[in-house]
N, C-alpha and C. Protein backbone atom coordinates (compact mmCIF):
# COMPACT_ATOMS: atom_id res chain seq x y z
N MET A 1 31.16 -30.98 -66.51
CA MET A 1 31.19 -29.53 -66.43
C MET A 1 31.55 -29.11 -65.01
N ALA A 2 32.56 -28.30 -64.89
CA ALA A 2 32.98 -27.82 -63.58
C ALA A 2 31.98 -26.78 -63.07
N THR A 3 31.96 -26.61 -61.76
CA THR A 3 31.04 -25.62 -61.22
C THR A 3 31.48 -24.22 -61.63
N LYS A 4 30.52 -23.35 -61.74
CA LYS A 4 30.82 -21.97 -62.17
C LYS A 4 31.69 -21.27 -61.15
N SER A 5 31.55 -21.62 -59.89
CA SER A 5 32.36 -20.97 -58.86
C SER A 5 33.83 -21.33 -58.98
N SER A 6 34.12 -22.59 -59.32
CA SER A 6 35.53 -23.00 -59.46
C SER A 6 36.16 -22.35 -60.68
N ILE A 7 35.39 -22.19 -61.74
CA ILE A 7 35.90 -21.50 -62.93
C ILE A 7 36.15 -20.03 -62.61
N ALA A 8 35.24 -19.41 -61.87
CA ALA A 8 35.38 -18.01 -61.49
C ALA A 8 36.60 -17.82 -60.58
N LYS A 9 36.81 -18.73 -59.64
CA LYS A 9 37.98 -18.65 -58.76
C LYS A 9 39.27 -18.73 -59.57
N GLN A 10 39.28 -19.63 -60.55
CA GLN A 10 40.46 -19.80 -61.39
C GLN A 10 40.76 -18.51 -62.17
N LYS A 11 39.73 -17.90 -62.73
CA LYS A 11 39.92 -16.65 -63.49
C LYS A 11 40.42 -15.54 -62.57
N LYS A 12 39.90 -15.50 -61.34
CA LYS A 12 40.34 -14.50 -60.38
C LYS A 12 41.82 -14.70 -60.04
N ARG A 13 42.22 -15.98 -59.86
CA ARG A 13 43.63 -16.27 -59.58
C ARG A 13 44.52 -15.87 -60.75
N GLU A 14 44.09 -16.17 -61.98
CA GLU A 14 44.88 -15.83 -63.16
C GLU A 14 45.09 -14.32 -63.24
N ARG A 15 44.03 -13.56 -62.97
CA ARG A 15 44.13 -12.11 -63.01
C ARG A 15 45.09 -11.60 -61.94
N LEU A 16 45.02 -12.18 -60.75
CA LEU A 16 45.87 -11.76 -59.64
C LEU A 16 47.34 -12.12 -59.91
N VAL A 17 47.58 -13.26 -60.51
CA VAL A 17 48.96 -13.65 -60.85
C VAL A 17 49.55 -12.67 -61.85
N GLN A 18 48.76 -12.29 -62.87
CA GLN A 18 49.24 -11.33 -63.86
C GLN A 18 49.53 -9.98 -63.21
N LEU A 19 48.67 -9.57 -62.29
CA LEU A 19 48.80 -8.26 -61.65
C LEU A 19 50.05 -8.18 -60.78
N LYS A 20 50.35 -9.21 -60.03
CA LYS A 20 51.45 -9.19 -59.06
C LYS A 20 52.73 -9.84 -59.56
N TRP A 21 52.78 -10.27 -60.84
CA TRP A 21 53.93 -11.02 -61.36
C TRP A 21 55.24 -10.24 -61.24
N ASP A 22 55.26 -8.98 -61.69
CA ASP A 22 56.51 -8.20 -61.67
C ASP A 22 57.01 -7.97 -60.26
N LYS A 23 56.11 -7.60 -59.36
CA LYS A 23 56.50 -7.35 -57.98
C LYS A 23 57.06 -8.62 -57.33
N ARG A 24 56.40 -9.73 -57.58
CA ARG A 24 56.84 -11.02 -57.03
C ARG A 24 58.23 -11.40 -57.55
N GLN A 25 58.49 -11.19 -58.84
CA GLN A 25 59.78 -11.53 -59.42
C GLN A 25 60.90 -10.66 -58.86
N LYS A 26 60.63 -9.36 -58.67
CA LYS A 26 61.64 -8.47 -58.10
C LYS A 26 62.00 -8.89 -56.67
N LEU A 27 60.98 -9.19 -55.88
CA LEU A 27 61.23 -9.61 -54.49
C LEU A 27 61.98 -10.94 -54.44
N LYS A 28 61.62 -11.87 -55.32
CA LYS A 28 62.32 -13.16 -55.33
C LYS A 28 63.78 -12.98 -55.74
N ALA A 29 64.04 -12.05 -56.66
CA ALA A 29 65.42 -11.79 -57.07
C ALA A 29 66.25 -11.28 -55.89
N ILE A 30 65.66 -10.43 -55.08
CA ILE A 30 66.36 -9.90 -53.90
C ILE A 30 66.60 -11.01 -52.88
N VAL A 31 65.60 -11.85 -52.67
CA VAL A 31 65.73 -12.94 -51.69
C VAL A 31 66.84 -13.90 -52.09
N PHE A 32 66.95 -14.22 -53.37
CA PHE A 32 67.95 -15.19 -53.81
C PHE A 32 69.32 -14.58 -54.10
N ASP A 33 69.44 -13.26 -54.03
CA ASP A 33 70.72 -12.59 -54.28
C ASP A 33 71.59 -12.67 -53.02
N LEU A 34 72.64 -13.46 -53.10
CA LEU A 34 73.51 -13.66 -51.93
C LEU A 34 74.41 -12.46 -51.66
N ASN A 35 74.55 -11.55 -52.61
CA ASN A 35 75.40 -10.37 -52.43
C ASN A 35 74.70 -9.26 -51.65
N SER A 36 73.37 -9.27 -51.59
CA SER A 36 72.66 -8.22 -50.86
C SER A 36 72.72 -8.51 -49.35
N SER A 37 72.46 -7.47 -48.56
CA SER A 37 72.57 -7.60 -47.11
C SER A 37 71.48 -8.51 -46.56
N GLU A 38 71.75 -9.04 -45.37
CA GLU A 38 70.81 -9.96 -44.74
C GLU A 38 69.50 -9.25 -44.39
N GLU A 39 69.60 -7.99 -43.94
CA GLU A 39 68.40 -7.22 -43.60
C GLU A 39 67.50 -7.03 -44.82
N LYS A 40 68.12 -6.68 -45.93
CA LYS A 40 67.37 -6.43 -47.17
C LYS A 40 66.69 -7.71 -47.65
N ARG A 41 67.39 -8.82 -47.53
CA ARG A 41 66.81 -10.11 -47.94
C ARG A 41 65.64 -10.50 -47.05
N LEU A 42 65.78 -10.32 -45.75
CA LEU A 42 64.70 -10.65 -44.82
C LEU A 42 63.48 -9.75 -45.05
N LEU A 43 63.74 -8.47 -45.32
CA LEU A 43 62.65 -7.54 -45.59
C LEU A 43 61.91 -7.93 -46.88
N ALA A 44 62.67 -8.34 -47.90
CA ALA A 44 62.06 -8.78 -49.16
C ALA A 44 61.26 -10.06 -48.95
N GLN A 45 61.78 -10.95 -48.13
CA GLN A 45 61.07 -12.20 -47.85
C GLN A 45 59.77 -11.93 -47.08
N HIS A 46 59.83 -11.00 -46.17
CA HIS A 46 58.64 -10.64 -45.39
C HIS A 46 57.58 -10.02 -46.29
N SER A 47 57.99 -9.11 -47.17
CA SER A 47 57.01 -8.48 -48.08
C SER A 47 56.50 -9.48 -49.11
N LEU A 48 57.30 -10.47 -49.46
CA LEU A 48 56.84 -11.53 -50.36
C LEU A 48 55.76 -12.36 -49.69
N ASN A 49 55.92 -12.60 -48.40
CA ASN A 49 54.91 -13.34 -47.64
C ASN A 49 53.62 -12.53 -47.45
N LYS A 50 53.73 -11.22 -47.52
CA LYS A 50 52.56 -10.36 -47.35
C LYS A 50 51.68 -10.34 -48.60
N LEU A 51 52.23 -10.71 -49.75
CA LEU A 51 51.43 -10.73 -50.98
C LEU A 51 50.30 -11.75 -50.85
N PRO A 52 49.20 -11.56 -51.58
CA PRO A 52 48.09 -12.52 -51.49
C PRO A 52 48.53 -13.90 -51.95
N ARG A 53 47.98 -14.93 -51.32
CA ARG A 53 48.35 -16.31 -51.66
C ARG A 53 48.00 -16.64 -53.11
N ASN A 54 46.87 -16.15 -53.55
CA ASN A 54 46.42 -16.48 -54.90
C ASN A 54 47.20 -15.77 -55.99
N SER A 55 48.15 -14.92 -55.62
CA SER A 55 48.99 -14.27 -56.64
C SER A 55 50.18 -15.15 -57.01
N SER A 56 50.30 -16.30 -56.36
CA SER A 56 51.38 -17.23 -56.68
C SER A 56 50.97 -18.10 -57.87
N PRO A 57 51.83 -18.24 -58.87
CA PRO A 57 51.47 -19.05 -60.04
C PRO A 57 51.32 -20.54 -59.73
N VAL A 58 51.84 -20.98 -58.59
CA VAL A 58 51.73 -22.38 -58.20
C VAL A 58 50.27 -22.75 -57.93
N ARG A 59 49.47 -21.78 -57.54
CA ARG A 59 48.08 -22.05 -57.19
C ARG A 59 47.15 -22.13 -58.39
N LEU A 60 47.68 -21.88 -59.59
CA LEU A 60 46.87 -22.00 -60.80
C LEU A 60 46.65 -23.46 -61.14
N ARG A 61 45.54 -23.73 -61.79
CA ARG A 61 45.18 -25.08 -62.18
C ARG A 61 44.82 -25.08 -63.66
N ASN A 62 45.36 -26.04 -64.41
CA ASN A 62 45.01 -26.14 -65.81
C ASN A 62 43.57 -26.61 -65.95
N ARG A 63 42.78 -25.89 -66.72
CA ARG A 63 41.38 -26.25 -66.92
C ARG A 63 41.04 -26.23 -68.39
N CYS A 64 40.09 -27.09 -68.76
CA CYS A 64 39.60 -27.17 -70.14
C CYS A 64 38.97 -25.84 -70.53
N GLN A 65 39.25 -25.37 -71.76
CA GLN A 65 38.69 -24.11 -72.23
C GLN A 65 37.18 -24.19 -72.43
N LEU A 66 36.68 -25.36 -72.77
CA LEU A 66 35.25 -25.51 -73.05
C LEU A 66 34.42 -25.78 -71.79
N THR A 67 34.85 -26.75 -71.00
CA THR A 67 34.02 -27.19 -69.89
C THR A 67 34.54 -26.77 -68.52
N GLY A 68 35.80 -26.46 -68.40
CA GLY A 68 36.38 -26.11 -67.11
C GLY A 68 36.87 -27.31 -66.32
N ARG A 69 36.82 -28.50 -66.93
CA ARG A 69 37.28 -29.71 -66.26
C ARG A 69 38.77 -29.60 -65.95
N ALA A 70 39.16 -29.98 -64.73
CA ALA A 70 40.55 -29.83 -64.29
C ALA A 70 41.38 -31.09 -64.53
N ARG A 71 40.74 -32.25 -64.53
CA ARG A 71 41.50 -33.49 -64.69
C ARG A 71 41.47 -33.96 -66.13
N GLY A 72 42.51 -34.69 -66.51
CA GLY A 72 42.59 -35.20 -67.87
C GLY A 72 42.81 -34.08 -68.86
N PHE A 73 43.67 -33.13 -68.52
CA PHE A 73 43.90 -31.93 -69.32
C PHE A 73 45.06 -32.16 -70.28
N LEU A 74 44.88 -31.84 -71.56
CA LEU A 74 45.94 -31.92 -72.55
C LEU A 74 46.46 -30.52 -72.82
N ARG A 75 47.71 -30.25 -72.43
CA ARG A 75 48.26 -28.90 -72.52
C ARG A 75 48.34 -28.37 -73.94
N LYS A 76 48.71 -29.23 -74.86
CA LYS A 76 48.91 -28.79 -76.23
C LYS A 76 47.63 -28.22 -76.83
N PHE A 77 46.49 -28.77 -76.46
CA PHE A 77 45.22 -28.35 -77.04
C PHE A 77 44.37 -27.53 -76.07
N LYS A 78 44.79 -27.44 -74.82
CA LYS A 78 44.05 -26.73 -73.77
C LYS A 78 42.63 -27.26 -73.63
N LEU A 79 42.49 -28.57 -73.76
CA LEU A 79 41.19 -29.24 -73.64
C LEU A 79 41.31 -30.44 -72.72
N SER A 80 40.18 -30.86 -72.18
CA SER A 80 40.17 -32.09 -71.41
C SER A 80 40.17 -33.26 -72.40
N ARG A 81 40.46 -34.44 -71.91
CA ARG A 81 40.53 -35.62 -72.78
C ARG A 81 39.18 -35.91 -73.42
N LEU A 82 38.09 -35.60 -72.72
CA LEU A 82 36.76 -35.88 -73.25
C LEU A 82 36.42 -34.95 -74.41
N CYS A 83 36.66 -33.66 -74.22
CA CYS A 83 36.39 -32.68 -75.28
C CYS A 83 37.31 -32.92 -76.46
N PHE A 84 38.57 -33.27 -76.16
CA PHE A 84 39.52 -33.54 -77.24
C PHE A 84 39.04 -34.70 -78.11
N ARG A 85 38.58 -35.75 -77.47
CA ARG A 85 38.13 -36.94 -78.22
C ARG A 85 36.92 -36.61 -79.10
N GLU A 86 35.97 -35.89 -78.54
CA GLU A 86 34.79 -35.52 -79.32
C GLU A 86 35.16 -34.65 -80.51
N MET A 87 35.98 -33.65 -80.27
CA MET A 87 36.36 -32.72 -81.34
C MET A 87 37.22 -33.41 -82.40
N ALA A 88 38.10 -34.32 -81.96
CA ALA A 88 38.95 -35.03 -82.91
C ALA A 88 38.11 -35.97 -83.78
N ASN A 89 37.13 -36.63 -83.19
CA ASN A 89 36.26 -37.53 -83.96
C ASN A 89 35.41 -36.76 -84.97
N MET A 90 35.03 -35.54 -84.63
CA MET A 90 34.24 -34.73 -85.56
C MET A 90 35.12 -34.03 -86.59
N GLY A 91 36.44 -34.10 -86.40
CA GLY A 91 37.36 -33.48 -87.35
C GLY A 91 37.53 -31.98 -87.13
N LEU A 92 37.29 -31.50 -85.92
CA LEU A 92 37.38 -30.07 -85.64
C LEU A 92 38.79 -29.62 -85.25
N ILE A 93 39.68 -30.58 -84.98
CA ILE A 93 41.06 -30.24 -84.62
C ILE A 93 41.94 -30.58 -85.80
N PRO A 94 42.54 -29.58 -86.44
CA PRO A 94 43.36 -29.84 -87.63
C PRO A 94 44.61 -30.64 -87.30
N GLY A 95 44.93 -31.59 -88.14
CA GLY A 95 46.13 -32.40 -87.99
C GLY A 95 45.98 -33.60 -87.09
N VAL A 96 44.81 -33.81 -86.51
CA VAL A 96 44.59 -34.92 -85.60
C VAL A 96 43.70 -35.95 -86.29
N THR A 97 44.20 -37.18 -86.38
CA THR A 97 43.41 -38.24 -86.98
C THR A 97 43.37 -39.43 -86.03
N LYS A 98 42.37 -40.24 -86.17
CA LYS A 98 42.27 -41.43 -85.36
C LYS A 98 43.31 -42.44 -85.86
N SER A 99 44.06 -43.01 -84.91
CA SER A 99 45.13 -43.93 -85.34
C SER A 99 44.55 -45.29 -85.66
N SER A 100 45.18 -45.96 -86.60
CA SER A 100 44.80 -47.34 -86.93
C SER A 100 46.04 -48.06 -87.44
N TRP A 101 46.17 -49.33 -87.13
CA TRP A 101 47.31 -50.10 -87.60
C TRP A 101 46.94 -51.53 -87.83
């Protein structure tokens, strides 16, 4: 089980990313547009740097929906490997069966 503070930080980052997503995309479009003036591009880059660090999607971390565990995360199920194994063995995940050959 992850600490409550790390889960809270993650939720705060997710909220901030959603809030600043449109502004960040507009500024990035200006920065990468080679047809715009150099002044405009530098100004956009400066204002992009002024945005909060946690509003960047790169700072997000995949976490298990049940426990908050960050490592051993399965994207398709949004669970850690431990929770996935328990739930699959109990038959709680539809379409997942234990393999045998």
